[in-house]
Every structure is written in C-alpha cells, then in structure tokens.
C-alpha cells in the first residue's frame, strides 16, 4: 500500500476513533448520571474516562496528519500515554464491580489495589515521557504500554466473565472472552509494528469493548430492576410442601411481586420453613399476629416462639439465596430492605415481631 493510501487510512481511523469514542464516553457518562450517581457507583465513570482516552488518541492522530508540527516520536508518545491511561482507568473501575472472580477479589478490594496498579503505571509512564521529549527509540520503551495492557486484560476479562455469568448472561460472558482474545491479537500486531492490521484489529476490539461496556451497564440496570425489593402490599406468599420420590418432604415458598411478573420459588430447610409458616399462620389466624423472641433472662415456665434474633437472620438469608443466588446479594441493598418489607417489630421494644404482608397476600397449601 502506498504512502498516500496509508495516510488516508490513518486519517479515517483517527476521525472514526475520535467521534465514536467521544459519543460512547458521553453516552456512558449519561447512564451514570441518571442511575449510577444515585447508587454512589463510580465504576461507570472510570470506564467512560477510559473510552475518552481512545477519543483523544484519535484526535492526536488527526492533528499529526494535519501537519501542525507534531513530531513522530511525540505523536507516538502521546498515544502511548493515553493507552496507559486507558488501562489505568479500566483497572480503577474494577473495585466497583459487584461480582469479582474469587482468585482476584481480595486483591482488587484491598487497600493496596491503587499501589498494585499505580506502580507499574508509573514505571511505564516515565520512560514513555522520556521517549517523547528526548526522541529515544528503544524498542523496550515502546512496548511498555502493551505490557501494561496485558495486565489489564487479565483482570478485565475475568471480571467481565464473572459479572455476566453471575447475572445469568453466559452468552455475553463468552463474547467478553472473545473480545479479550481479539484485543490480545491487536497488542501482538502493535509489537510487530504492522500498521494496517493494527488499525483493523484496534477498530474491531475497541468497538467490541465499547458495546460490552454498554451491555454491562444494561445488565447492571436489569439487575437493579430484578432485585428491587417490592413493598409489603406488592408481595404474595404461597407455602407448599410436596413429597419427593425419596419420600422426603420438599419445603418451598413461592414469592410473587418481583419485577418481570415471574414467580420466585425458594426452597427452605424444614426448620426455616416451619418458622416462616408460623409467621403466616399467626398473621392469618390472629388479630395482631405477633411472635415473641426469647429474651436473655427468660422465664423458664414460658414457651417462646423464636429462640433468638439469629433465626430471623437465617430465614432472611435463606430467602435471599433462593431469590437471587448465594453471594449475589448485599446487606444494605437486599437484606435490610427485605427484612423491612416482610417483618415489623413492636414499637414498644417488647421483643415481638410479626409478618407485615396483608392477609389476602398469604396462601397456605397442604396445611
């Protein structure tokens, strides 16, 4: 390919990268402004900034070919700097992800994470700046942003896979793995200095990653909708006990009222099912329907309905495991709202608790 054609391809790629990535940055930031800001979730902000770095890199490419005086080394150095910043912002977004792979979760959530990603970033940035201003062309320096990108892809690929799979979107999980592989291929072409193939694969992986970031944002919105705890009058409970083939009883509670109008079936242990059913029976058969929790200095001649508060905690945790899956719920966003929706404590601190749902929303089968 002649020089003119190569220049035209580079200019076209620069305009594409600048405009598309700038639009994606503004769109992702808009989603955060309307939804994520209310949740105090800044992960989308870091992802949006990482896309903005690609947009600025496209602008650098345009300005270089427009002949405004950017030297080749300075242009390559700027693009490397923004590539490093892109990787850094992606890594900074990872602690905000709700689902993290077990091998990396303690590391990403630790207070040392900024140092773990910041120190390699500094070691890659300073030689790059040295190259920009002193026009040094040592190959090891030009490869530093690639090595930092490989570190980023290792963490990003595993976190995207975990996020999509835990949200029951396995096809998007596989697409994220494919995108990471294409990105790795683009990094290899960058090491080989194959300009045309590099532009082609860069356009493919950047487009794919942008779409995955939007899919991630939409899956997060979908999860917020599906896991939003309804109000007491919106929930309905159906208690069922079926005999299995092995002659053992199968204790289930069907919960209606969550988003999607689909019944959520929760299987409980016999003890937790019995406790939950006692709440329902008291609510249906008595005017007030209170159950009393055994105090520390209890009256030995008196029978109490609940031994301690931990029984309530275990019941709510079991319900959440059945509704959303184990380790897929949090105390602030799920445990406390569900407890508030289902149960009411006595105003006089008499260690009494009752089911808060209306009587017409409770059904007992096989009673």
Protein backbone atom coordinates (compact mmCIF):
# COMPACT_ATOMS: atom_id res chain seq x y z
CA UNK A 1 0.00 0.00 0.00
CA UNK A 2 1.45 3.43 -1.00
CA UNK A 3 2.08 6.30 1.40
CA UNK A 4 -0.98 8.30 0.30
CA UNK A 5 -3.36 5.39 0.87
CA UNK A 6 -1.77 4.61 4.25
CA UNK A 7 -2.15 8.25 5.31
CA UNK A 8 -5.80 8.30 4.23
CA UNK A 9 -6.50 5.15 6.22
CA UNK A 10 -4.82 6.65 9.30
CA UNK A 11 -6.81 9.89 8.99
CA UNK A 12 -10.08 7.98 8.52
CA UNK A 13 -9.26 5.80 11.53
CA UNK A 14 -8.41 8.89 13.59
CA UNK A 15 -11.74 10.58 12.83
CA UNK A 16 -13.62 7.34 13.50
CA UNK A 17 -11.89 6.81 16.83
CA UNK A 18 -12.32 10.43 17.91
CA UNK A 19 -16.04 10.72 17.08
CA UNK A 20 -17.28 7.24 18.03
CA UNK A 21 -15.36 7.06 21.30
CA UNK A 22 -16.38 10.61 22.25
CA UNK A 23 -20.04 9.69 21.69
CA UNK A 24 -19.61 6.47 23.70
CA UNK A 25 -17.96 8.44 26.53
CA UNK A 26 -20.87 10.90 26.70
CA UNK A 27 -23.49 8.13 26.47
CA UNK A 28 -21.90 6.01 29.22
CA UNK A 29 -21.48 9.08 31.41
CA UNK A 30 -25.17 9.91 30.85
CA UNK A 31 -26.21 6.46 32.08
CA UNK A 32 -24.11 7.01 35.18
CA UNK A 33 -25.57 10.49 35.74
CA UNK A 34 -29.17 9.21 35.64
CA UNK A 35 -28.68 5.92 37.51
CA UNK A 36 -25.21 5.26 38.87
CA UNK A 37 -24.88 8.61 40.59
CA UNK A 38 -27.86 7.79 42.80
CA UNK A 39 -26.24 4.47 43.72
CA UNK A 40 -22.86 6.10 44.57
CA UNK A 41 -21.30 3.82 41.96
CA UNK A 42 -18.34 5.40 40.15
CA UNK A 43 -17.28 2.35 38.17
CA UNK A 44 -19.01 3.66 35.05
CA UNK A 45 -17.18 6.98 35.38
CA UNK A 46 -13.80 5.23 35.21
CA UNK A 47 -14.93 3.14 32.23
CA UNK A 48 -16.19 6.29 30.48
CA UNK A 49 -12.84 8.01 31.09
CA UNK A 50 -11.03 5.02 29.62
CA UNK A 51 -13.07 5.41 26.43
CA UNK A 52 -12.35 9.15 26.41
CA UNK A 53 -8.64 8.30 26.25
CA UNK A 54 -9.27 6.47 22.97
CA UNK A 55 -11.10 9.51 21.65
CA UNK A 56 -8.18 11.81 22.49
CA UNK A 57 -5.79 9.33 20.83
CA UNK A 58 -7.86 9.62 17.66
CA UNK A 59 -7.60 13.41 17.87
CA UNK A 60 -3.81 13.14 18.19
CA UNK A 61 -3.74 11.01 15.03
CA UNK A 62 -5.77 13.64 13.16
CA UNK A 63 -3.62 16.54 14.32
CA UNK A 64 -0.42 14.72 13.35
CA UNK A 65 -1.57 14.19 9.77
CA UNK A 66 -2.91 17.75 9.54
CA UNK A 67 0.68 18.93 9.88
CA UNK A 68 0.50 21.10 13.00
CA UNK A 69 4.09 20.32 13.95
CA UNK A 70 3.74 17.11 15.98
CA UNK A 71 6.87 15.00 15.56
CA UNK A 72 6.55 11.26 15.04
CA UNK A 73 8.11 10.45 18.40
CA UNK A 74 5.92 12.97 20.18
CA UNK A 75 2.79 11.62 18.47
CA UNK A 76 3.65 8.00 19.31
CA UNK A 77 4.50 9.02 22.86
CA UNK A 78 1.15 10.79 23.32
CA UNK A 79 -0.76 7.77 22.01
CA UNK A 80 1.21 5.52 24.39
CA UNK A 81 0.42 7.82 27.32
CA UNK A 82 -3.31 7.73 26.55
CA UNK A 83 -3.12 3.96 26.09
CA UNK A 84 -1.58 3.70 29.56
CA UNK A 85 -4.29 5.98 30.98
CA UNK A 86 -6.96 3.87 29.29
CA UNK A 87 -5.63 0.75 31.01
CA UNK A 88 -5.28 2.57 34.34
CA UNK A 89 -8.88 3.83 34.30
CA UNK A 90 -10.18 0.33 33.48
CA UNK A 91 -8.23 -1.10 36.41
CA UNK A 92 -9.54 1.68 38.69
CA UNK A 93 -13.11 0.71 37.76
CA UNK A 94 -12.74 -2.93 38.85
CA UNK A 95 -13.23 -2.41 42.64
CA UNK A 96 -16.68 -1.00 41.85
CA UNK A 97 -17.81 -4.23 40.16
CA UNK A 98 -20.25 -6.19 42.29
CA UNK A 99 -19.07 -9.61 41.11
CA UNK A 100 -15.36 -10.37 41.16
CA UNK A 101 -13.63 -13.70 40.49
CA UNK A 102 -12.58 -15.40 43.72
CA UNK A 103 -8.81 -15.53 42.98
CA UNK A 104 -8.67 -11.77 42.37
CA UNK A 105 -11.45 -10.46 44.65
CA UNK A 106 -9.34 -9.97 47.82
CA UNK A 107 -6.63 -8.27 45.77
CA UNK A 108 -8.94 -5.91 43.89
CA UNK A 109 -10.92 -4.99 47.01
CA UNK A 110 -7.83 -4.43 49.15
CA UNK A 111 -6.45 -1.01 50.08
CA UNK A 112 -3.26 -1.91 48.20
CA UNK A 113 -5.02 -2.06 44.82
CA UNK A 114 -4.15 1.57 43.86
CA UNK A 115 -0.48 0.80 44.55
CA UNK A 116 -0.62 -2.54 42.71
CA UNK A 117 -1.81 -0.84 39.53
CA UNK A 118 -0.21 2.56 40.13
CA UNK A 119 3.42 1.45 40.48
CA UNK A 120 3.54 -0.45 37.13
CA UNK A 121 1.76 2.53 35.54
CA UNK A 122 4.47 4.89 36.80
CA UNK A 123 7.26 2.58 35.60
CA UNK A 124 5.67 2.54 32.15
CA UNK A 125 4.78 6.24 32.04
CA UNK A 126 8.13 7.85 32.87
CA UNK A 127 10.15 6.02 30.16
CA UNK A 128 7.39 6.90 27.68
CA UNK A 129 7.62 10.59 28.59
CA UNK A 130 11.40 10.33 28.34
CA UNK A 131 11.00 8.96 24.82
CA UNK A 132 8.57 11.71 23.84
CA UNK A 133 10.77 14.64 24.74
CA UNK A 134 14.19 13.17 24.01
CA UNK A 135 13.23 11.24 20.87
CA UNK A 136 14.69 7.97 22.11
CA UNK A 137 13.56 4.94 20.09
CA UNK A 138 14.49 1.98 22.27
CA UNK A 139 12.04 -0.81 21.49
CA UNK A 140 11.56 -1.84 25.12
CA UNK A 141 10.15 1.62 25.87
CA UNK A 142 7.60 1.50 23.07
CA UNK A 143 6.35 -1.86 24.35
CA UNK A 144 5.66 -0.77 27.92
CA UNK A 145 2.05 0.29 27.26
CA UNK A 146 1.48 -3.11 25.63
CA UNK A 147 2.71 -4.96 28.71
CA UNK A 148 0.52 -2.82 30.95
CA UNK A 149 -2.43 -3.53 28.64
CA UNK A 150 -1.80 -7.28 29.01
CA UNK A 151 -2.03 -6.91 32.79
CA UNK A 152 -5.30 -5.01 32.33
CA UNK A 153 -6.76 -7.65 30.00
CA UNK A 154 -6.03 -10.40 32.52
CA UNK A 155 -8.11 -8.69 35.20
CA UNK A 156 -10.76 -7.21 32.89
CA UNK A 157 -11.51 -10.48 31.10
CA UNK A 158 -12.01 -12.41 34.33
CA UNK A 159 -14.16 -9.67 35.89
CA UNK A 160 -16.38 -9.30 32.80
CA UNK A 161 -16.87 -13.07 32.67
CA UNK A 162 -17.80 -13.21 36.35
CA UNK A 163 -20.18 -10.24 36.06
CA UNK A 164 -22.12 -11.60 33.09
CA UNK A 165 -22.27 -15.20 34.35
CA UNK A 166 -23.45 -14.18 37.83
CA UNK A 167 -26.19 -12.11 36.18
CA UNK A 168 -27.23 -15.20 34.20
CA UNK A 169 -25.98 -13.80 30.87
CA UNK A 170 -23.48 -16.51 29.80
CA UNK A 171 -23.52 -15.60 26.10
CA UNK A 172 -22.27 -12.10 26.93
CA UNK A 173 -19.63 -13.74 29.11
CA UNK A 174 -18.33 -15.73 26.13
CA UNK A 175 -18.43 -12.62 23.94
CA UNK A 176 -16.27 -10.83 26.51
CA UNK A 177 -13.70 -13.65 26.32
CA UNK A 178 -13.68 -13.44 22.51
CA UNK A 179 -13.22 -9.66 22.70
CA UNK A 180 -10.30 -10.05 25.08
CA UNK A 181 -8.68 -12.51 22.66
CA UNK A 182 -9.09 -10.05 19.76
CA UNK A 183 -7.58 -7.32 21.92
CA UNK A 184 -4.61 -9.56 22.69
CA UNK A 185 -4.15 -10.10 18.97
CA UNK A 186 -4.19 -6.34 18.40
CA UNK A 187 -1.48 -5.93 21.05
CA UNK A 188 0.65 -8.52 19.24
CA UNK A 189 0.32 -6.56 16.00
CA UNK A 190 1.40 -3.45 17.90
CA UNK A 191 4.59 -5.23 18.91
CA UNK A 192 5.15 -6.31 15.29
CA UNK A 193 4.59 -2.72 14.06
CA UNK A 194 2.09 -3.85 11.41
CA UNK A 195 0.18 -0.59 10.95
CA UNK A 196 -2.70 -1.63 8.69
CA UNK A 197 -3.56 -4.84 10.55
CA UNK A 198 -3.14 -2.96 13.84
CA UNK A 199 -5.70 -0.34 12.76
CA UNK A 200 -8.11 -3.06 11.66
CA UNK A 201 -7.92 -5.06 14.89
CA UNK A 202 -7.89 -1.89 17.00
CA UNK A 203 -11.14 -0.77 15.40
CA UNK A 204 -12.66 -4.22 16.00
CA UNK A 205 -11.64 -4.61 19.63
CA UNK A 206 -12.44 -1.01 20.61
CA UNK A 207 -15.90 -1.27 19.09
CA UNK A 208 -16.46 -4.63 20.79
CA UNK A 209 -15.26 -3.39 24.18
CA UNK A 210 -17.47 -0.29 23.96
CA UNK A 211 -20.51 -2.47 23.21
CA UNK A 212 -19.57 -4.76 26.11
CA UNK A 213 -19.34 -1.78 28.45
CA UNK A 214 -22.85 -0.75 27.42
CA UNK A 215 -24.07 -4.34 27.79
CA UNK A 216 -22.51 -4.35 31.26
CA UNK A 217 -24.31 -1.12 32.15
CA UNK A 218 -27.64 -2.51 30.88
CA UNK A 219 -27.12 -5.78 32.77
CA UNK A 220 -26.50 -3.72 35.90
CA UNK A 221 -29.74 -1.79 35.31
CA UNK A 222 -31.53 -5.11 34.67
CA UNK A 223 -30.20 -6.48 37.96
CA UNK A 224 -31.26 -3.36 39.85
CA UNK A 225 -34.77 -3.78 38.48
CA UNK A 226 -34.99 -7.51 39.18
CA UNK A 227 -33.55 -7.28 42.69
CA UNK A 228 -35.52 -4.27 43.81
CA UNK A 229 -37.43 -5.33 46.90
CA UNK A 230 -41.19 -4.67 46.47
CA UNK A 231 -43.43 -3.05 49.07
CA UNK A 232 -45.38 -5.29 51.52
CA UNK A 233 -48.69 -4.90 49.64
CA UNK A 234 -46.97 -5.98 46.39
CA UNK A 235 -45.60 -9.28 47.71
CA UNK A 236 -47.58 -12.52 47.80
CA UNK A 237 -46.55 -15.74 49.56
CA UNK A 238 -47.62 -19.29 48.74
CA UNK A 239 -46.45 -22.01 51.13
CA UNK A 240 -46.22 -25.52 49.59
CA UNK A 241 -44.96 -28.88 50.85
CA UNK A 242 -44.55 -31.65 48.29
CA UNK A 243 -43.50 -35.28 48.71
CA UNK A 244 -40.38 -36.19 46.72
CA UNK A 245 -39.59 -39.57 45.18
CA UNK A 246 -37.35 -40.42 48.12
CA UNK A 247 -40.36 -39.95 50.46
CA UNK A 248 -38.93 -36.76 51.91
CA UNK A 249 -40.86 -33.53 52.05
CA UNK A 250 -39.84 -30.66 49.79
CA UNK A 251 -40.46 -27.33 51.52
CA UNK A 252 -40.97 -24.42 49.14
CA UNK A 253 -42.26 -20.87 49.27
CA UNK A 254 -43.49 -19.24 46.07
CA UNK A 255 -42.93 -15.48 46.16
CA UNK A 256 -44.79 -13.23 43.73
CA UNK A 257 -44.46 -9.50 43.16
CA UNK A 258 -40.91 -9.07 41.89
CA UNK A 259 -40.15 -7.40 38.57
CA UNK A 260 -40.95 -9.47 35.49
CA UNK A 261 -44.14 -10.97 36.93
CA UNK A 262 -42.38 -14.31 37.36
CA UNK A 263 -42.87 -16.49 40.40
CA UNK A 264 -39.73 -16.88 42.51
CA UNK A 265 -39.54 -20.32 44.12
CA UNK A 266 -37.44 -20.56 47.29
CA UNK A 267 -36.61 -23.89 48.88
CA UNK A 268 -36.12 -23.81 52.65
CA UNK A 269 -34.94 -26.21 55.30
CA UNK A 270 -37.73 -27.81 57.40
CA UNK A 271 -36.85 -25.61 60.41
CA UNK A 272 -36.85 -22.33 58.47
CA UNK A 273 -40.00 -23.32 56.57
CA UNK A 274 -41.74 -24.10 59.85
CA UNK A 275 -40.72 -20.73 61.32
CA UNK A 276 -41.83 -18.81 58.24
CA UNK A 277 -45.11 -20.70 58.19
CA UNK A 278 -45.75 -19.87 61.85
CA UNK A 279 -45.44 -16.20 60.94
CA UNK A 280 -48.00 -16.71 58.17
CA UNK A 281 -50.40 -18.69 60.37
CA UNK A 282 -50.31 -16.08 63.13
CA UNK A 283 -50.94 -13.35 60.57
CA UNK A 284 -53.94 -15.23 59.16
CA UNK A 285 -55.48 -16.51 62.38
CA UNK A 286 -54.88 -13.77 64.93
CA UNK A 287 -55.80 -10.11 65.02
CA UNK A 288 -52.27 -8.85 65.62
CA UNK A 289 -50.21 -11.94 64.81
CA UNK A 290 -47.18 -11.21 66.98
CA UNK A 291 -44.41 -13.76 67.68
CA UNK A 292 -42.25 -13.33 70.76
CA UNK A 293 -38.46 -13.66 70.79
CA UNK A 294 -36.88 -15.31 73.81
CA UNK A 295 -35.03 -12.73 75.97
CA UNK A 296 -31.66 -13.40 77.59
CA UNK A 297 -33.17 -13.65 81.08
CA UNK A 298 -36.18 -15.69 80.02
CA UNK A 299 -38.94 -17.20 82.09
CA UNK A 300 -38.35 -20.97 82.14
CA UNK A 301 -42.04 -21.63 82.63
CA UNK A 302 -42.95 -19.82 79.41
CA UNK A 303 -42.75 -21.08 75.82
CA UNK A 304 -41.38 -18.65 73.25
CA UNK A 305 -41.97 -18.66 69.51
CA UNK A 306 -38.42 -17.69 68.49
CA UNK A 307 -35.22 -18.58 70.34
CA UNK A 308 -33.15 -15.58 69.21
CA UNK A 309 -32.74 -12.94 66.50
CA UNK A 310 -30.36 -15.18 64.56
CA UNK A 311 -33.29 -17.33 63.48
CA UNK A 312 -34.77 -14.31 61.70
CA UNK A 313 -31.41 -13.53 60.11
CA UNK A 314 -31.02 -17.11 58.85
CA UNK A 315 -34.55 -17.06 57.43
CA UNK A 316 -33.99 -13.80 55.52
CA UNK A 317 -30.59 -15.00 54.27
CA UNK A 318 -32.14 -18.25 53.00
CA UNK A 319 -34.88 -16.32 51.23
CA UNK A 320 -32.31 -14.05 49.55
CA UNK A 321 -30.20 -17.04 48.50
CA UNK A 322 -33.25 -18.52 46.83
CA UNK A 323 -34.33 -15.24 45.25
CA UNK A 324 -31.01 -14.01 43.88
CA UNK A 325 -28.43 -16.75 44.44
CA UNK A 326 -25.75 -17.20 47.10
CA UNK A 327 -23.30 -14.29 47.41
CA UNK A 328 -25.39 -12.32 44.91
CA UNK A 329 -26.97 -10.00 47.45
CA UNK A 330 -25.74 -7.41 49.91
CA UNK A 331 -26.84 -6.38 53.37
CA UNK A 332 -27.65 -2.75 52.55
CA UNK A 333 -29.43 -3.23 49.22
CA UNK A 334 -31.18 -6.55 49.84
CA UNK A 335 -31.11 -7.90 53.39
CA UNK A 336 -32.31 -4.78 55.19
CA UNK A 337 -35.00 -3.86 52.58
CA UNK A 338 -36.39 -7.43 52.56
CA UNK A 339 -36.49 -7.54 56.35
CA UNK A 340 -38.30 -4.18 56.38
CA UNK A 341 -40.78 -5.42 53.77
CA UNK A 342 -41.56 -8.76 55.41
CA UNK A 343 -41.42 -8.07 59.14
CA UNK A 344 -42.46 -5.46 61.65
CA UNK A 345 -41.01 -5.08 65.12
CA UNK A 346 -43.08 -3.93 68.07
CA UNK A 347 -42.88 -0.18 68.69
CA UNK A 348 -42.53 -0.74 72.44
CA UNK A 349 -39.39 -2.88 72.11
CA UNK A 350 -41.17 -5.89 73.57
CA UNK A 351 -39.10 -8.36 71.53
CA UNK A 352 -42.15 -9.07 69.40
CA UNK A 353 -42.19 -9.42 65.63
CA UNK A 354 -44.83 -10.20 63.03
CA UNK A 355 -45.30 -10.65 59.29
CA UNK A 356 -46.15 -7.33 57.64
CA UNK A 357 -47.87 -8.61 54.49
CA UNK A 358 -51.67 -8.25 54.16
CA UNK A 359 -53.63 -11.39 54.99
CA UNK A 360 -55.03 -11.68 51.47
CA UNK A 361 -51.47 -11.96 50.12
CA UNK A 362 -50.74 -15.15 52.08
CA UNK A 363 -51.80 -18.65 50.95
CA UNK A 364 -51.14 -21.94 52.79
CA UNK A 365 -51.30 -25.16 50.75
CA UNK A 366 -51.28 -28.68 52.17
CA UNK A 367 -51.87 -27.25 55.63
